[in-house]
């Protein structure tokens, strides 16, 4: 007789709420699923977003994303709905649409804003494909700093901007940002067209050195937005970088602008529709059962004592490239440092 499925946890770590498909930028690295073979559907109304959020357990953080969330005229009402569900609400915005009045309203609601900076002006605008986007991002940061609102920056780190990461971190600290989250470039969405931008192991080490140095020298918190593979890159030399753990499909979920749930913002797999189904029902989805039981770990990780922490790297990256959540993270394709956790890593797809 089958054992009953365990109940959902009483609290989640994070819900990423993608509130719109539309954006002010056209970034060459954009991971959004709808940039590559994804069934776009009508965006939810304010009331529907409130209903979707109410289906979840309480949550430490709701992150509002998109697209560009400030394109939603009802963004303040969506923030208020998120505040009922989470202790912290963050909002990822290009800053282009941030006005003094909107900044004040978000500040009163205790929203933490994250502004993307991807390089010096020329590099940033070549990546966003939006003229003036660099200046507008700086203006948004200045607006927040004037109001003494805590904010952070985020950077997608790829071959094209890797050498500029120290300058990005210095700028972030100078503008008053309290943290930078650096996201190792993963192919997905628009980024599927640019495999040449994926970081090698040596590139990723340079990224970590820049983050660790900035955390010590500039006093800015630094963190990785994509899990590391400790069998490929030893984490011990980078003690000031927050590596964190990926809870995708376990205590971290994404909802698209139409109310459909996925394991995370990088995964294109739709688990169900929260406008019609409850979270408890989707919790029993076979994909989530496999994620919780370790059934989506790459074969390369079998027997590794560290796999419970790193999960074999980014599961969605393997899924996007190879069509399977148990496929290797692209970082596996680079020769790991000698260590007990290595079990014959091989390039994805072989």
C-alpha atoms as a PDB file:
ATOM      1  CA  UNK A   1       0.000   0.000   0.000  1.00  0.00           C
ATOM      2  CA  UNK A   2       1.406   3.395  -1.006  1.00  0.00           C
ATOM      3  CA  UNK A   3       2.270   5.773   1.791  1.00  0.00           C
ATOM      4  CA  UNK A   4       0.303   9.052   1.805  1.00  0.00           C
ATOM      5  CA  UNK A   5       2.157  12.013   0.345  1.00  0.00           C
ATOM      6  CA  UNK A   6       3.658  14.301   2.993  1.00  0.00           C
ATOM      7  CA  UNK A   7       1.782  17.516   3.631  1.00  0.00           C
ATOM      8  CA  UNK A   8       3.176  20.775   2.198  1.00  0.00           C
ATOM      9  CA  UNK A   9       5.496  22.668   4.549  1.00  0.00           C
ATOM     10  CA  UNK A  10       3.857  25.285   6.789  1.00  0.00           C
ATOM     11  CA  UNK A  11       6.221  27.922   5.388  1.00  0.00           C
ATOM     12  CA  UNK A  12       8.038  28.345   2.089  1.00  0.00           C
ATOM     13  CA  UNK A  13      11.331  30.159   1.555  1.00  0.00           C
ATOM     14  CA  UNK A  14      10.368  32.070  -1.573  1.00  0.00           C
ATOM     15  CA  UNK A  15       7.719  32.551  -4.236  1.00  0.00           C
ATOM     16  CA  UNK A  16       8.836  34.288  -7.427  1.00  0.00           C
ATOM     17  CA  UNK A  17       5.769  35.999  -8.858  1.00  0.00           C
ATOM     18  CA  UNK A  18       6.217  36.932 -12.502  1.00  0.00           C
ATOM     19  CA  UNK A  19       3.553  39.600 -12.862  1.00  0.00           C
ATOM     20  CA  UNK A  20       3.903  40.445 -16.566  1.00  0.00           C
ATOM     21  CA  UNK A  21       5.357  39.082 -19.798  1.00  0.00           C
ATOM     22  CA  UNK A  22       6.162  42.600 -21.001  1.00  0.00           C
ATOM     23  CA  UNK A  23       9.466  44.379 -20.416  1.00  0.00           C
ATOM     24  CA  UNK A  24      11.144  47.710 -21.159  1.00  0.00           C
ATOM     25  CA  UNK A  25      14.369  45.910 -22.124  1.00  0.00           C
ATOM     26  CA  UNK A  26      15.269  43.198 -24.634  1.00  0.00           C
ATOM     27  CA  UNK A  27      18.279  41.617 -22.920  1.00  0.00           C
ATOM     28  CA  UNK A  28      20.361  39.222 -24.986  1.00  0.00           C
ATOM     29  CA  UNK A  29      20.711  36.882 -21.990  1.00  0.00           C
ATOM     30  CA  UNK A  30      17.035  36.934 -20.911  1.00  0.00           C
ATOM     31  CA  UNK A  31      16.162  33.575 -19.363  1.00  0.00           C
ATOM     32  CA  UNK A  32      12.389  34.129 -19.423  1.00  0.00           C
ATOM     33  CA  UNK A  33      10.758  30.947 -20.666  1.00  0.00           C
ATOM     34  CA  UNK A  34       8.326  32.779 -22.913  1.00  0.00           C
ATOM     35  CA  UNK A  35      11.253  33.906 -25.069  1.00  0.00           C
ATOM     36  CA  UNK A  36      11.594  30.293 -26.232  1.00  0.00           C
ATOM     37  CA  UNK A  37       8.682  27.902 -26.898  1.00  0.00           C
ATOM     38  CA  UNK A  38       6.436  28.711 -23.955  1.00  0.00           C
ATOM     39  CA  UNK A  39       2.607  28.924 -24.074  1.00  0.00           C
ATOM     40  CA  UNK A  40       1.850  32.552 -23.271  1.00  0.00           C
ATOM     41  CA  UNK A  41      -1.656  33.106 -21.877  1.00  0.00           C
ATOM     42  CA  UNK A  42      -3.585  36.187 -20.664  1.00  0.00           C
ATOM     43  CA  UNK A  43      -2.082  37.919 -17.625  1.00  0.00           C
ATOM     44  CA  UNK A  44      -3.959  37.696 -14.340  1.00  0.00           C
ATOM     45  CA  UNK A  45      -5.973  40.550 -12.891  1.00  0.00           C
ATOM     46  CA  UNK A  46      -5.170  42.022  -9.484  1.00  0.00           C
ATOM     47  CA  UNK A  47      -7.870  39.911  -7.832  1.00  0.00           C
ATOM     48  CA  UNK A  48      -6.618  36.760  -9.536  1.00  0.00           C
ATOM     49  CA  UNK A  49      -3.066  37.369  -8.307  1.00  0.00           C
ATOM     50  CA  UNK A  50      -4.466  37.812  -4.792  1.00  0.00           C
ATOM     51  CA  UNK A  51      -6.293  34.495  -5.163  1.00  0.00           C
ATOM     52  CA  UNK A  52      -3.189  32.680  -6.404  1.00  0.00           C
ATOM     53  CA  UNK A  53      -1.077  33.987  -3.529  1.00  0.00           C
ATOM     54  CA  UNK A  54      -3.717  32.933  -1.006  1.00  0.00           C
ATOM     55  CA  UNK A  55      -3.324  29.304  -2.123  1.00  0.00           C
ATOM     56  CA  UNK A  56       0.268  29.157  -0.857  1.00  0.00           C
ATOM     57  CA  UNK A  57       1.456  28.589   2.717  1.00  0.00           C
ATOM     58  CA  UNK A  58       3.046  31.544   4.453  1.00  0.00           C
ATOM     59  CA  UNK A  59       6.366  32.484   2.911  1.00  0.00           C
ATOM     60  CA  UNK A  60       9.562  34.223   4.011  1.00  0.00           C
ATOM     61  CA  UNK A  61       9.790  36.177   0.769  1.00  0.00           C
ATOM     62  CA  UNK A  62       7.753  36.979  -2.313  1.00  0.00           C
ATOM     63  CA  UNK A  63       9.845  38.319  -5.181  1.00  0.00           C
ATOM     64  CA  UNK A  64       7.989  40.278  -7.830  1.00  0.00           C
ATOM     65  CA  UNK A  65       9.495  39.853 -11.250  1.00  0.00           C
ATOM     66  CA  UNK A  66       8.549  39.770 -14.897  1.00  0.00           C
ATOM     67  CA  UNK A  67       9.207  41.134 -17.458  1.00  0.00           C
ATOM     68  CA  UNK A  68       9.196  44.550 -15.861  1.00  0.00           C
ATOM     69  CA  UNK A  69       6.803  44.540 -12.881  1.00  0.00           C
ATOM     70  CA  UNK A  70       6.443  48.333 -12.845  1.00  0.00           C
ATOM     71  CA  UNK A  71       4.607  48.066 -16.178  1.00  0.00           C
ATOM     72  CA  UNK A  72       1.643  46.784 -14.143  1.00  0.00           C
ATOM     73  CA  UNK A  73      -0.546  49.783 -13.212  1.00  0.00           C
ATOM     74  CA  UNK A  74      -1.783  47.757 -10.221  1.00  0.00           C
ATOM     75  CA  UNK A  75       1.692  46.909  -8.907  1.00  0.00           C
ATOM     76  CA  UNK A  76       1.037  48.541  -5.507  1.00  0.00           C
ATOM     77  CA  UNK A  77      -2.079  46.403  -5.030  1.00  0.00           C
ATOM     78  CA  UNK A  78      -0.105  43.291  -5.978  1.00  0.00           C
ATOM     79  CA  UNK A  79       2.582  44.289  -3.455  1.00  0.00           C
ATOM     80  CA  UNK A  80      -0.079  44.623  -0.759  1.00  0.00           C
ATOM     81  CA  UNK A  81      -1.376  41.139  -1.571  1.00  0.00           C
ATOM     82  CA  UNK A  82       2.175  39.767  -1.382  1.00  0.00           C
ATOM     83  CA  UNK A  83       2.730  41.465   1.990  1.00  0.00           C
ATOM     84  CA  UNK A  84      -0.149  39.425   3.429  1.00  0.00           C
ATOM     85  CA  UNK A  85       1.634  36.234   2.434  1.00  0.00           C
ATOM     86  CA  UNK A  86       5.306  37.023   3.161  1.00  0.00           C
ATOM     87  CA  UNK A  87       7.595  38.695   5.676  1.00  0.00           C
ATOM     88  CA  UNK A  88       9.641  40.286   2.908  1.00  0.00           C
ATOM     89  CA  UNK A  89       8.635  41.518  -0.530  1.00  0.00           C
ATOM     90  CA  UNK A  90      11.329  42.251  -3.100  1.00  0.00           C
ATOM     91  CA  UNK A  91      10.916  43.689  -6.566  1.00  0.00           C
ATOM     92  CA  UNK A  92      13.280  43.315  -9.500  1.00  0.00           C
ATOM     93  CA  UNK A  93      13.055  46.356 -11.772  1.00  0.00           C
ATOM     94  CA  UNK A  94      15.177  47.954 -14.470  1.00  0.00           C
ATOM     95  CA  UNK A  95      14.431  51.242 -12.678  1.00  0.00           C
ATOM     96  CA  UNK A  96      13.304  52.886 -15.885  1.00  0.00           C
ATOM     97  CA  UNK A  97       9.733  53.466 -14.664  1.00  0.00           C
ATOM     98  CA  UNK A  98      10.569  54.290 -11.051  1.00  0.00           C
ATOM     99  CA  UNK A  99       9.221  57.721 -10.077  1.00  0.00           C
ATOM    100  CA  UNK A 100       9.582  59.573  -6.754  1.00  0.00           C
ATOM    101  CA  UNK A 101       5.939  58.868  -5.940  1.00  0.00           C
ATOM    102  CA  UNK A 102       6.213  55.183  -6.761  1.00  0.00           C
ATOM    103  CA  UNK A 103       9.450  54.894  -4.766  1.00  0.00           C
ATOM    104  CA  UNK A 104       7.723  56.490  -1.765  1.00  0.00           C
ATOM    105  CA  UNK A 105       4.758  54.108  -2.040  1.00  0.00           C
ATOM    106  CA  UNK A 106       7.012  51.066  -2.265  1.00  0.00           C
ATOM    107  CA  UNK A 107       9.104  52.366   0.627  1.00  0.00           C
ATOM    108  CA  UNK A 108       6.045  52.692   2.852  1.00  0.00           C
ATOM    109  CA  UNK A 109       5.270  49.046   2.134  1.00  0.00           C
ATOM    110  CA  UNK A 110       8.822  47.987   3.022  1.00  0.00           C
ATOM    111  CA  UNK A 111       9.674  46.644  -0.439  1.00  0.00           C
ATOM    112  CA  UNK A 112      13.312  45.798  -1.165  1.00  0.00           C
ATOM    113  CA  UNK A 113      14.221  46.794  -4.727  1.00  0.00           C
ATOM    114  CA  UNK A 114      16.837  45.155  -6.896  1.00  0.00           C
ATOM    115  CA  UNK A 115      18.287  47.058  -9.863  1.00  0.00           C
ATOM    116  CA  UNK A 116      20.178  45.123 -12.566  1.00  0.00           C
ATOM    117  CA  UNK A 117      23.607  46.454 -13.583  1.00  0.00           C
ATOM    118  CA  UNK A 118      25.443  44.373 -16.165  1.00  0.00           C
ATOM    119  CA  UNK A 119      28.560  46.394 -16.907  1.00  0.00           C
ATOM    120  CA  UNK A 120      29.889  49.820 -17.698  1.00  0.00           C
ATOM    121  CA  UNK A 121      27.568  51.960 -19.806  1.00  0.00           C
ATOM    122  CA  UNK A 122      28.507  50.593 -23.229  1.00  0.00           C
ATOM    123  CA  UNK A 123      28.436  46.965 -22.106  1.00  0.00           C
ATOM    124  CA  UNK A 124      25.231  47.338 -20.095  1.00  0.00           C
ATOM    125  CA  UNK A 125      23.370  48.843 -23.038  1.00  0.00           C
ATOM    126  CA  UNK A 126      24.750  46.318 -25.522  1.00  0.00           C
ATOM    127  CA  UNK A 127      23.331  43.588 -23.265  1.00  0.00           C
ATOM    128  CA  UNK A 128      19.961  45.228 -22.530  1.00  0.00           C
ATOM    129  CA  UNK A 129      19.592  46.493 -26.109  1.00  0.00           C
ATOM    130  CA  UNK A 130      18.032  49.614 -24.639  1.00  0.00           C
ATOM    131  CA  UNK A 131      19.655  52.990 -25.185  1.00  0.00           C
ATOM    132  CA  UNK A 132      19.716  55.064 -21.991  1.00  0.00           C
ATOM    133  CA  UNK A 133      19.096  52.026 -19.757  1.00  0.00           C
ATOM    134  CA  UNK A 134      22.359  52.525 -17.846  1.00  0.00           C
ATOM    135  CA  UNK A 135      21.626  56.153 -16.964  1.00  0.00           C
ATOM    136  CA  UNK A 136      18.071  55.286 -15.921  1.00  0.00           C
ATOM    137  CA  UNK A 137      19.314  52.485 -13.655  1.00  0.00           C
ATOM    138  CA  UNK A 138      21.705  54.906 -11.931  1.00  0.00           C
ATOM    139  CA  UNK A 139      18.937  57.474 -11.560  1.00  0.00           C
ATOM    140  CA  UNK A 140      16.732  54.850  -9.920  1.00  0.00           C
ATOM    141  CA  UNK A 141      19.495  53.916  -7.469  1.00  0.00           C
ATOM    142  CA  UNK A 142      20.044  57.596  -6.642  1.00  0.00           C
ATOM    143  CA  UNK A 143      16.306  57.976  -6.031  1.00  0.00           C
ATOM    144  CA  UNK A 144      16.341  55.088  -3.573  1.00  0.00           C
ATOM    145  CA  UNK A 145      19.536  56.267  -1.863  1.00  0.00           C
ATOM    146  CA  UNK A 146      18.041  59.744  -1.349  1.00  0.00           C
ATOM    147  CA  UNK A 147      15.137  58.133   0.485  1.00  0.00           C
ATOM    148  CA  UNK A 148      17.479  55.854   2.439  1.00  0.00           C
ATOM    149  CA  UNK A 149      15.625  52.847   1.098  1.00  0.00           C
ATOM    150  CA  UNK A 150      17.752  49.688   1.199  1.00  0.00           C
ATOM    151  CA  UNK A 151      18.289  48.232  -2.251  1.00  0.00           C
ATOM    152  CA  UNK A 152      20.569  45.852  -4.082  1.00  0.00           C
ATOM    153  CA  UNK A 153      21.922  45.265  -7.545  1.00  0.00           C
ATOM    154  CA  UNK A 154      21.932  42.130  -9.641  1.00  0.00           C
ATOM    155  CA  UNK A 155      24.252  41.099 -12.454  1.00  0.00           C
ATOM    156  CA  UNK A 156      24.044  38.334 -15.025  1.00  0.00           C
ATOM    157  CA  UNK A 157      27.705  37.335 -15.373  1.00  0.00           C
ATOM    158  CA  UNK A 158      28.734  36.076 -18.791  1.00  0.00           C
ATOM    159  CA  UNK A 159      31.830  36.085 -20.984  1.00  0.00           C
ATOM    160  CA  UNK A 160      31.035  39.550 -22.320  1.00  0.00           C
ATOM    161  CA  UNK A 161      30.948  41.344 -18.960  1.00  0.00           C
ATOM    162  CA  UNK A 162      33.018  39.118 -16.643  1.00  0.00           C
ATOM    163  CA  UNK A 163      36.037  41.458 -16.590  1.00  0.00           C
ATOM    164  CA  UNK A 164      33.807  44.378 -15.650  1.00  0.00           C
ATOM    165  CA  UNK A 165      32.392  42.712 -12.524  1.00  0.00           C
ATOM    166  CA  UNK A 166      34.829  44.515 -10.149  1.00  0.00           C
ATOM    167  CA  UNK A 167      33.713  47.859 -11.628  1.00  0.00           C
ATOM    168  CA  UNK A 168      30.047  46.832 -11.297  1.00  0.00           C
ATOM    169  CA  UNK A 169      30.565  46.011  -7.624  1.00  0.00           C
ATOM    170  CA  UNK A 170      32.393  49.284  -6.971  1.00  0.00           C
ATOM    171  CA  UNK A 171      29.597  51.218  -8.653  1.00  0.00           C
ATOM    172  CA  UNK A 172      26.954  49.330  -6.664  1.00  0.00           C
ATOM    173  CA  UNK A 173      28.670  50.167  -3.368  1.00  0.00           C
ATOM    174  CA  UNK A 174      29.242  53.800  -4.376  1.00  0.00           C
ATOM    175  CA  UNK A 175      25.557  54.233  -5.264  1.00  0.00           C
ATOM    176  CA  UNK A 176      24.510  52.874  -1.861  1.00  0.00           C
ATOM    177  CA  UNK A 177      23.517  49.304  -2.684  1.00  0.00           C
ATOM    178  CA  UNK A 178      23.786  46.962   0.295  1.00  0.00           C
ATOM    179  CA  UNK A 179      24.172  43.788  -1.769  1.00  0.00           C
ATOM    180  CA  UNK A 180      24.881  42.359  -5.188  1.00  0.00           C
ATOM    181  CA  UNK A 181      23.496  39.082  -6.453  1.00  0.00           C
ATOM    182  CA  UNK A 182      25.535  37.696  -9.329  1.00  0.00           C
ATOM    183  CA  UNK A 183      23.820  35.158 -11.560  1.00  0.00           C
ATOM    184  CA  UNK A 184      25.978  32.789 -13.578  1.00  0.00           C
ATOM    185  CA  UNK A 185      24.659  32.982 -17.143  1.00  0.00           C
ATOM    186  CA  UNK A 186      22.415  30.024 -17.918  1.00  0.00           C
ATOM    187  CA  UNK A 187      21.038  29.324 -21.352  1.00  0.00           C
ATOM    188  CA  UNK A 188      17.293  29.683 -21.514  1.00  0.00           C
ATOM    189  CA  UNK A 189      14.803  31.934 -23.248  1.00  0.00           C
ATOM    190  CA  UNK A 190      16.639  34.461 -25.403  1.00  0.00           C
ATOM    191  CA  UNK A 191      19.915  33.146 -23.984  1.00  0.00           C
ATOM    192  CA  UNK A 192      19.473  29.871 -25.879  1.00  0.00           C
ATOM    193  CA  UNK A 193      20.997  31.689 -28.860  1.00  0.00           C
ATOM    194  CA  UNK A 194      24.268  32.446 -27.047  1.00  0.00           C
ATOM    195  CA  UNK A 195      26.094  29.316 -25.884  1.00  0.00           C
ATOM    196  CA  UNK A 196      29.419  31.148 -26.322  1.00  0.00           C
ATOM    197  CA  UNK A 197      28.562  33.305 -23.291  1.00  0.00           C
ATOM    198  CA  UNK A 198      28.457  30.405 -20.783  1.00  0.00           C
ATOM    199  CA  UNK A 199      31.185  30.726 -18.137  1.00  0.00           C
ATOM    200  CA  UNK A 200      33.939  28.151 -17.913  1.00  0.00           C
ATOM    201  CA  UNK A 201      35.200  26.897 -14.562  1.00  0.00           C
ATOM    202  CA  UNK A 202      38.071  29.389 -14.764  1.00  0.00           C
ATOM    203  CA  UNK A 203      35.611  32.197 -15.513  1.00  0.00           C
ATOM    204  CA  UNK A 204      33.442  31.215 -12.559  1.00  0.00           C
ATOM    205  CA  UNK A 205      36.495  31.278 -10.276  1.00  0.00           C
ATOM    206  CA  UNK A 206      37.268  34.828 -11.463  1.00  0.00           C
ATOM    207  CA  UNK A 207      33.674  35.789 -10.681  1.00  0.00           C
ATOM    208  CA  UNK A 208      33.959  34.388  -7.156  1.00  0.00           C
ATOM    209  CA  UNK A 209      37.271  36.144  -6.558  1.00  0.00           C
ATOM    210  CA  UNK A 210      35.713  39.478  -7.537  1.00  0.00           C
ATOM    211  CA  UNK A 211      32.718  38.882  -5.259  1.00  0.00           C
ATOM    212  CA  UNK A 212      34.850  37.810  -2.306  1.00  0.00           C
ATOM    213  CA  UNK A 213      37.213  40.779  -2.724  1.00  0.00           C
ATOM    214  CA  UNK A 214      34.321  43.246  -2.967  1.00  0.00           C
ATOM    215  CA  UNK A 215      32.652  41.849   0.169  1.00  0.00           C
ATOM    216  CA  UNK A 216      35.874  42.458   2.098  1.00  0.00           C
ATOM    217  CA  UNK A 217      36.966  45.732   0.550  1.00  0.00           C
ATOM    218  CA  UNK A 218      33.664  47.499  -0.106  1.00  0.00           C
ATOM    219  CA  UNK A 219      31.505  46.112   2.686  1.00  0.00           C
ATOM    220  CA  UNK A 220      28.795  45.065   0.231  1.00  0.00           C
ATOM    221  CA  UNK A 221      27.086  41.701   0.665  1.00  0.00           C
ATOM    222  CA  UNK A 222      27.709  39.389  -2.266  1.00  0.00           C
ATOM    223  CA  UNK A 223      25.799  36.277  -3.200  1.00  0.00           C
ATOM    224  CA  UNK A 224      25.385  33.793  -6.035  1.00  0.00           C
ATOM    225  CA  UNK A 225      21.995  33.617  -7.682  1.00  0.00           C
ATOM    226  CA  UNK A 226      22.704  30.163  -9.169  1.00  0.00           C
ATOM    227  CA  UNK A 227      24.039  27.256  -7.081  1.00  0.00           C
ATOM    228  CA  UNK A 228      27.706  26.354  -7.299  1.00  0.00           C
ATOM    229  CA  UNK A 229      29.045  22.845  -7.829  1.00  0.00           C
ATOM    230  CA  UNK A 230      31.502  22.324  -4.946  1.00  0.00           C
ATOM    231  CA  UNK A 231      33.047  19.358  -6.777  1.00  0.00           C
ATOM    232  CA  UNK A 232      33.955  21.712  -9.634  1.00  0.00           C
ATOM    233  CA  UNK A 233      34.841  24.831  -7.644  1.00  0.00           C
ATOM    234  CA  UNK A 234      35.942  24.621  -4.029  1.00  0.00           C
ATOM    235  CA  UNK A 235      33.971  27.157  -1.974  1.00  0.00           C
ATOM    236  CA  UNK A 236      36.353  27.411   0.974  1.00  0.00           C
ATOM    237  CA  UNK A 237      38.619  30.146  -0.490  1.00  0.00           C
ATOM    238  CA  UNK A 238      35.581  32.429  -0.947  1.00  0.00           C
ATOM    239  CA  UNK A 239      34.320  32.696   2.616  1.00  0.00           C
ATOM    240  CA  UNK A 240      32.718  36.133   2.174  1.00  0.00           C
ATOM    241  CA  UNK A 241      30.444  35.018  -0.670  1.00  0.00           C
ATOM    242  CA  UNK A 242      26.981  33.706   0.184  1.00  0.00           C
ATOM    243  CA  UNK A 243      26.620  30.500  -1.825  1.00  0.00           C
ATOM    244  CA  UNK A 244      23.251  29.524  -0.412  1.00  0.00           C
ATOM    245  CA  UNK A 245      21.225  26.493  -1.446  1.00  0.00           C
ATOM    246  CA  UNK A 246      18.663  26.015  -4.190  1.00  0.00           C
ATOM    247  CA  UNK A 247      15.219  25.063  -2.910  1.00  0.00           C
ATOM    248  CA  UNK A 248      13.559  24.870  -6.339  1.00  0.00           C
ATOM    249  CA  UNK A 249      10.632  22.488  -6.236  1.00  0.00           C
ATOM    250  CA  UNK A 250      10.992  21.976  -2.480  1.00  0.00           C
ATOM    251  CA  UNK A 251      10.425  25.293  -0.711  1.00  0.00           C
ATOM    252  CA  UNK A 252      10.815  27.715  -3.623  1.00  0.00           C
ATOM    253  CA  UNK A 253       8.386  28.092  -6.547  1.00  0.00           C
ATOM    254  CA  UNK A 254       7.610  30.412  -9.433  1.00  0.00           C
ATOM    255  CA  UNK A 255       4.235  31.578 -10.715  1.00  0.00           C
ATOM    256  CA  UNK A 256       4.015  32.907 -14.264  1.00  0.00           C
ATOM    257  CA  UNK A 257       1.911  35.939 -15.279  1.00  0.00           C
ATOM    258  CA  UNK A 258      -1.005  33.634 -16.085  1.00  0.00           C
ATOM    259  CA  UNK A 259      -1.023  31.873 -12.697  1.00  0.00           C
ATOM    260  CA  UNK A 260       0.783  28.662 -13.639  1.00  0.00           C
ATOM    261  CA  UNK A 261       3.338  27.193 -11.239  1.00  0.00           C
ATOM    262  CA  UNK A 262       6.879  26.038 -12.074  1.00  0.00           C
ATOM    263  CA  UNK A 263       9.741  24.837  -9.865  1.00  0.00           C
ATOM    264  CA  UNK A 264      11.710  28.050 -10.468  1.00  0.00           C
ATOM    265  CA  UNK A 265      12.036  30.995 -12.826  1.00  0.00           C
ATOM    266  CA  UNK A 266      14.572  29.159 -15.034  1.00  0.00           C
ATOM    267  CA  UNK A 267      12.431  26.059 -15.587  1.00  0.00           C
ATOM    268  CA  UNK A 268       9.893  26.002 -18.460  1.00  0.00           C
ATOM    269  CA  UNK A 269       7.908  23.042 -17.068  1.00  0.00           C
ATOM    270  CA  UNK A 270       4.386  24.003 -15.989  1.00  0.00           C
ATOM    271  CA  UNK A 271       3.217  21.966 -12.990  1.00  0.00           C
ATOM    272  CA  UNK A 272      -0.351  23.219 -12.883  1.00  0.00           C
ATOM    273  CA  UNK A 273      -2.690  26.201 -12.834  1.00  0.00           C
ATOM    274  CA  UNK A 274      -3.138  27.920  -9.478  1.00  0.00           C
ATOM    275  CA  UNK A 275      -6.270  29.717 -10.643  1.00  0.00           C
ATOM    276  CA  UNK A 276      -7.964  26.300 -10.654  1.00  0.00           C
ATOM    277  CA  UNK A 277      -5.810  24.074  -8.436  1.00  0.00           C
ATOM    278  CA  UNK A 278      -4.617  24.330  -4.866  1.00  0.00           C
ATOM    279  CA  UNK A 279      -0.981  24.233  -3.831  1.00  0.00           C
ATOM    280  CA  UNK A 280      -1.579  21.038  -1.851  1.00  0.00           C
ATOM    281  CA  UNK A 281      -2.703  19.317  -5.065  1.00  0.00           C
ATOM    282  CA  UNK A 282       0.333  20.505  -7.027  1.00  0.00           C
ATOM    283  CA  UNK A 283       2.590  19.483  -4.138  1.00  0.00           C
ATOM    284  CA  UNK A 284       1.835  15.870  -5.132  1.00  0.00           C
ATOM    285  CA  UNK A 285       2.931  16.413  -8.747  1.00  0.00           C
ATOM    286  CA  UNK A 286       5.376  13.659  -9.831  1.00  0.00           C
ATOM    287  CA  UNK A 287       8.053  16.224 -10.677  1.00  0.00           C
ATOM    288  CA  UNK A 288       7.920  17.683  -7.169  1.00  0.00           C
ATOM    289  CA  UNK A 289       7.921  14.226  -5.577  1.00  0.00           C
ATOM    290  CA  UNK A 290      11.077  13.451  -7.573  1.00  0.00           C
ATOM    291  CA  UNK A 291      12.679  16.779  -6.624  1.00  0.00           C
ATOM    292  CA  UNK A 292      12.061  16.154  -2.918  1.00  0.00           C
ATOM    293  CA  UNK A 293      13.275  12.561  -3.016  1.00  0.00           C
ATOM    294  CA  UNK A 294      16.510  13.253  -4.895  1.00  0.00           C
ATOM    295  CA  UNK A 295      15.208  11.678  -8.084  1.00  0.00           C
ATOM    296  CA  UNK A 296      16.341  14.640 -10.185  1.00  0.00           C
ATOM    297  CA  UNK A 297      20.005  14.485  -9.197  1.00  0.00           C
ATOM    298  CA  UNK A 298      22.443  13.807 -12.078  1.00  0.00           C
ATOM    299  CA  UNK A 299      24.066  10.397 -12.217  1.00  0.00           C
ATOM    300  CA  UNK A 300      27.410  12.158 -11.849  1.00  0.00           C
ATOM    301  CA  UNK A 301      26.438  12.973  -8.270  1.00  0.00           C
ATOM    302  CA  UNK A 302      25.576   9.442  -7.137  1.00  0.00           C
ATOM    303  CA  UNK A 303      27.104   8.755  -3.738  1.00  0.00           C
ATOM    304  CA  UNK A 304      28.415  12.285  -3.242  1.00  0.00           C
ATOM    305  CA  UNK A 305      28.242  13.433   0.368  1.00  0.00           C
ATOM    306  CA  UNK A 306      27.605  17.028  -0.694  1.00  0.00           C
ATOM    307  CA  UNK A 307      24.713  16.486  -3.077  1.00  0.00           C
ATOM    308  CA  UNK A 308      22.076  17.177  -0.430  1.00  0.00           C
ATOM    309  CA  UNK A 309      23.360  20.750  -0.326  1.00  0.00           C
ATOM    310  CA  UNK A 310      24.243  21.544  -3.937  1.00  0.00           C
ATOM    311  CA  UNK A 311      21.519  19.336  -5.581  1.00  0.00           C
ATOM    312  CA  UNK A 312      23.913  18.755  -8.458  1.00  0.00           C
ATOM    313  CA  UNK A 313      23.848  22.423  -9.416  1.00  0.00           C
ATOM    314  CA  UNK A 314      21.046  24.113 -11.304  1.00  0.00           C
ATOM    315  CA  UNK A 315      18.460  21.496 -12.226  1.00  0.00           C
ATOM    316  CA  UNK A 316      16.597  23.864 -14.535  1.00  0.00           C
ATOM    317  CA  UNK A 317      19.776  24.518 -16.542  1.00  0.00           C
ATOM    318  CA  UNK A 318      20.108  20.832 -17.298  1.00  0.00           C
ATOM    319  CA  UNK A 319      16.410  20.669 -18.136  1.00  0.00           C
ATOM    320  CA  UNK A 320      16.570  23.623 -20.522  1.00  0.00           C
ATOM    321  CA  UNK A 321      19.565  22.266 -22.424  1.00  0.00           C
ATOM    322  CA  UNK A 322      18.904  18.533 -22.314  1.00  0.00           C
ATOM    323  CA  UNK A 323      15.191  18.181 -21.614  1.00  0.00           C
ATOM    324  CA  UNK A 324      15.611  16.504 -18.229  1.00  0.00           C
ATOM    325  CA  UNK A 325      15.755  17.785 -14.663  1.00  0.00           C
ATOM    326  CA  UNK A 326      18.354  15.112 -13.946  1.00  0.00           C
ATOM    327  CA  UNK A 327      20.671  16.308 -16.724  1.00  0.00           C
ATOM    328  CA  UNK A 328      24.013  17.807 -15.615  1.00  0.00           C
ATOM    329  CA  UNK A 329      24.513  21.481 -14.893  1.00  0.00           C
ATOM    330  CA  UNK A 330      26.611  23.058 -17.711  1.00  0.00           C
ATOM    331  CA  UNK A 331      29.375  23.702 -15.175  1.00  0.00           C
ATOM    332  CA  UNK A 332      29.906  19.910 -15.084  1.00  0.00           C
ATOM    333  CA  UNK A 333      31.420  20.148 -18.558  1.00  0.00           C
ATOM    334  CA  UNK A 334      34.499  21.808 -17.074  1.00  0.00           C
ATOM    335  CA  UNK A 335      37.184  19.770 -15.388  1.00  0.00           C
ATOM    336  CA  UNK A 336      36.655  19.784 -11.596  1.00  0.00           C
ATOM    337  CA  UNK A 337      39.347  20.250  -8.993  1.00  0.00           C
ATOM    338  CA  UNK A 338      40.584  16.956  -7.442  1.00  0.00           C
ATOM    339  CA  UNK A 339      38.373  16.009  -4.530  1.00  0.00           C
ATOM    340  CA  UNK A 340      36.377  13.187  -2.961  1.00  0.00           C
ATOM    341  CA  UNK A 341      33.072  14.426  -4.333  1.00  0.00           C
ATOM    342  CA  UNK A 342      34.012  14.014  -8.019  1.00  0.00           C
ATOM    343  CA  UNK A 343      32.450  11.006  -9.726  1.00  0.00           C
ATOM    344  CA  UNK A 344      33.480  11.299 -13.359  1.00  0.00           C
ATOM    345  CA  UNK A 345      31.651  14.462 -14.432  1.00  0.00           C
ATOM    346  CA  UNK A 346      31.031  14.613 -18.133  1.00  0.00           C
ATOM    347  CA  UNK A 347      29.756  17.302 -20.512  1.00  0.00           C
ATOM    348  CA  UNK A 348      25.961  17.662 -20.749  1.00  0.00           C
ATOM    349  CA  UNK A 349      24.249  15.559 -23.379  1.00  0.00           C
ATOM    350  CA  UNK A 350      26.907  12.836 -23.622  1.00  0.00           C
END
